[in-house]
């Protein structure tokens, strides 16, 4: 994957928080699965994204959510989602189920 291009495109479109959150989740899964090379590369990408983290709260692609659903996701979000200013209920275990070691 061309991480330099992807992070640059995320920044151009103000989506670095979305990418940072997903990369952080993937990094946790990689560490849990003892995939050191992947975890190391994802950590490097995270450092780049962390430096350009946005202050604006966003969703993880559900821009059409009504306010009540967005409020519910905001209340249910993890500390990691809060760090990346995303209203989402996506969790590490959701990725773990999808990614087989």
Protein backbone atom coordinates (compact mmCIF):
# COMPACT_ATOMS: atom_id res chain seq x y z
CA UNK A 1 0.00 0.00 0.00
CA UNK A 2 1.23 3.48 -0.81
CA UNK A 3 0.83 5.00 2.65
CA UNK A 4 2.41 8.30 1.68
CA UNK A 5 -0.17 8.85 -1.06
CA UNK A 6 -3.05 7.67 1.14
CA UNK A 7 -2.15 9.92 4.07
CA UNK A 8 -1.65 12.88 1.72
CA UNK A 9 -5.07 12.28 0.15
CA UNK A 10 -6.68 11.95 3.59
CA UNK A 11 -5.19 15.31 4.57
CA UNK A 12 -6.28 17.00 1.33
CA UNK A 13 -9.85 15.88 1.99
CA UNK A 14 -9.74 16.49 5.78
CA UNK A 15 -10.21 12.79 6.51
CA UNK A 16 -7.06 12.15 8.51
CA UNK A 17 -9.06 11.47 11.68
CA UNK A 18 -11.03 8.73 9.94
CA UNK A 19 -7.87 7.16 8.56
CA UNK A 20 -6.05 7.55 11.87
CA UNK A 21 -8.81 5.81 13.77
CA UNK A 22 -8.96 2.86 11.36
CA UNK A 23 -5.17 2.56 11.28
CA UNK A 24 -5.07 2.65 15.09
CA UNK A 25 -7.63 -0.17 15.28
CA UNK A 26 -5.72 -2.19 12.68
CA UNK A 27 -2.50 -1.61 14.60
CA UNK A 28 -4.07 -3.03 17.77
CA UNK A 29 -5.24 -6.11 15.87
CA UNK A 30 -1.79 -6.57 14.31
CA UNK A 31 -0.16 -6.37 17.74
CA UNK A 32 -2.67 -8.84 19.17
CA UNK A 33 -1.93 -11.24 16.29
CA UNK A 34 1.84 -10.78 16.82
CA UNK A 35 2.27 -9.39 13.31
CA UNK A 36 5.23 -7.17 14.18
CA UNK A 37 6.02 -5.90 10.69
CA UNK A 38 2.47 -4.71 10.08
CA UNK A 39 2.19 -3.22 13.57
CA UNK A 40 5.46 -1.34 13.09
CA UNK A 41 4.43 0.14 9.74
CA UNK A 42 1.00 1.12 11.05
CA UNK A 43 2.64 2.82 14.04
CA UNK A 44 4.73 4.90 11.65
CA UNK A 45 1.62 5.91 9.71
CA UNK A 46 -0.12 6.80 12.97
CA UNK A 47 2.67 9.19 13.94
CA UNK A 48 2.17 11.08 10.69
CA UNK A 49 -1.60 11.22 11.11
CA UNK A 50 -1.40 12.18 14.78
CA UNK A 51 0.55 15.30 13.87
CA UNK A 52 -2.34 16.49 11.69
CA UNK A 53 -5.31 15.37 13.77
CA UNK A 54 -8.33 17.63 13.31
CA UNK A 55 -10.29 19.24 16.16
CA UNK A 56 -13.65 18.87 14.40
CA UNK A 57 -15.86 15.93 15.42
CA UNK A 58 -16.86 13.70 12.52
CA UNK A 59 -18.42 10.31 11.85
CA UNK A 60 -16.86 7.28 10.27
CA UNK A 61 -18.70 7.84 6.94
CA UNK A 62 -22.26 8.15 8.30
CA UNK A 63 -22.75 11.82 7.42
CA UNK A 64 -26.44 11.26 6.69
CA UNK A 65 -27.22 10.05 10.23
CA UNK A 66 -30.02 11.92 11.98
CA UNK A 67 -28.93 13.83 15.11
CA UNK A 68 -30.37 11.19 17.47
CA UNK A 69 -28.32 8.38 15.91
CA UNK A 70 -25.19 10.50 15.88
CA UNK A 71 -25.74 11.37 19.56
CA UNK A 72 -26.10 7.68 20.41
CA UNK A 73 -22.85 6.83 18.58
CA UNK A 74 -21.14 9.72 20.36
CA UNK A 75 -22.24 8.37 23.74
CA UNK A 76 -21.18 4.80 22.87
CA UNK A 77 -17.81 5.58 21.29
CA UNK A 78 -14.57 4.21 22.67
CA UNK A 79 -11.74 6.28 24.09
CA UNK A 80 -9.85 5.69 20.84
CA UNK A 81 -12.78 7.03 18.78
CA UNK A 82 -13.01 10.02 21.11
CA UNK A 83 -9.27 10.66 20.66
CA UNK A 84 -9.78 10.76 16.89
CA UNK A 85 -12.94 12.90 17.34
CA UNK A 86 -15.19 10.32 15.64
CA UNK A 87 -18.74 9.41 16.51
CA UNK A 88 -18.69 5.68 15.79
CA UNK A 89 -19.34 2.43 17.60
CA UNK A 90 -16.65 0.53 15.64
CA UNK A 91 -14.38 -1.36 18.02
CA UNK A 92 -11.27 -3.48 17.86
CA UNK A 93 -13.29 -6.67 18.21
CA UNK A 94 -15.23 -5.77 15.06
CA UNK A 95 -11.98 -5.88 13.09
CA UNK A 96 -10.66 -8.91 14.92
CA UNK A 97 -13.68 -10.90 13.74
CA UNK A 98 -13.08 -9.81 10.14
CA UNK A 99 -9.29 -10.30 10.07
CA UNK A 100 -8.10 -13.86 10.47
CA UNK A 101 -4.49 -14.31 11.67
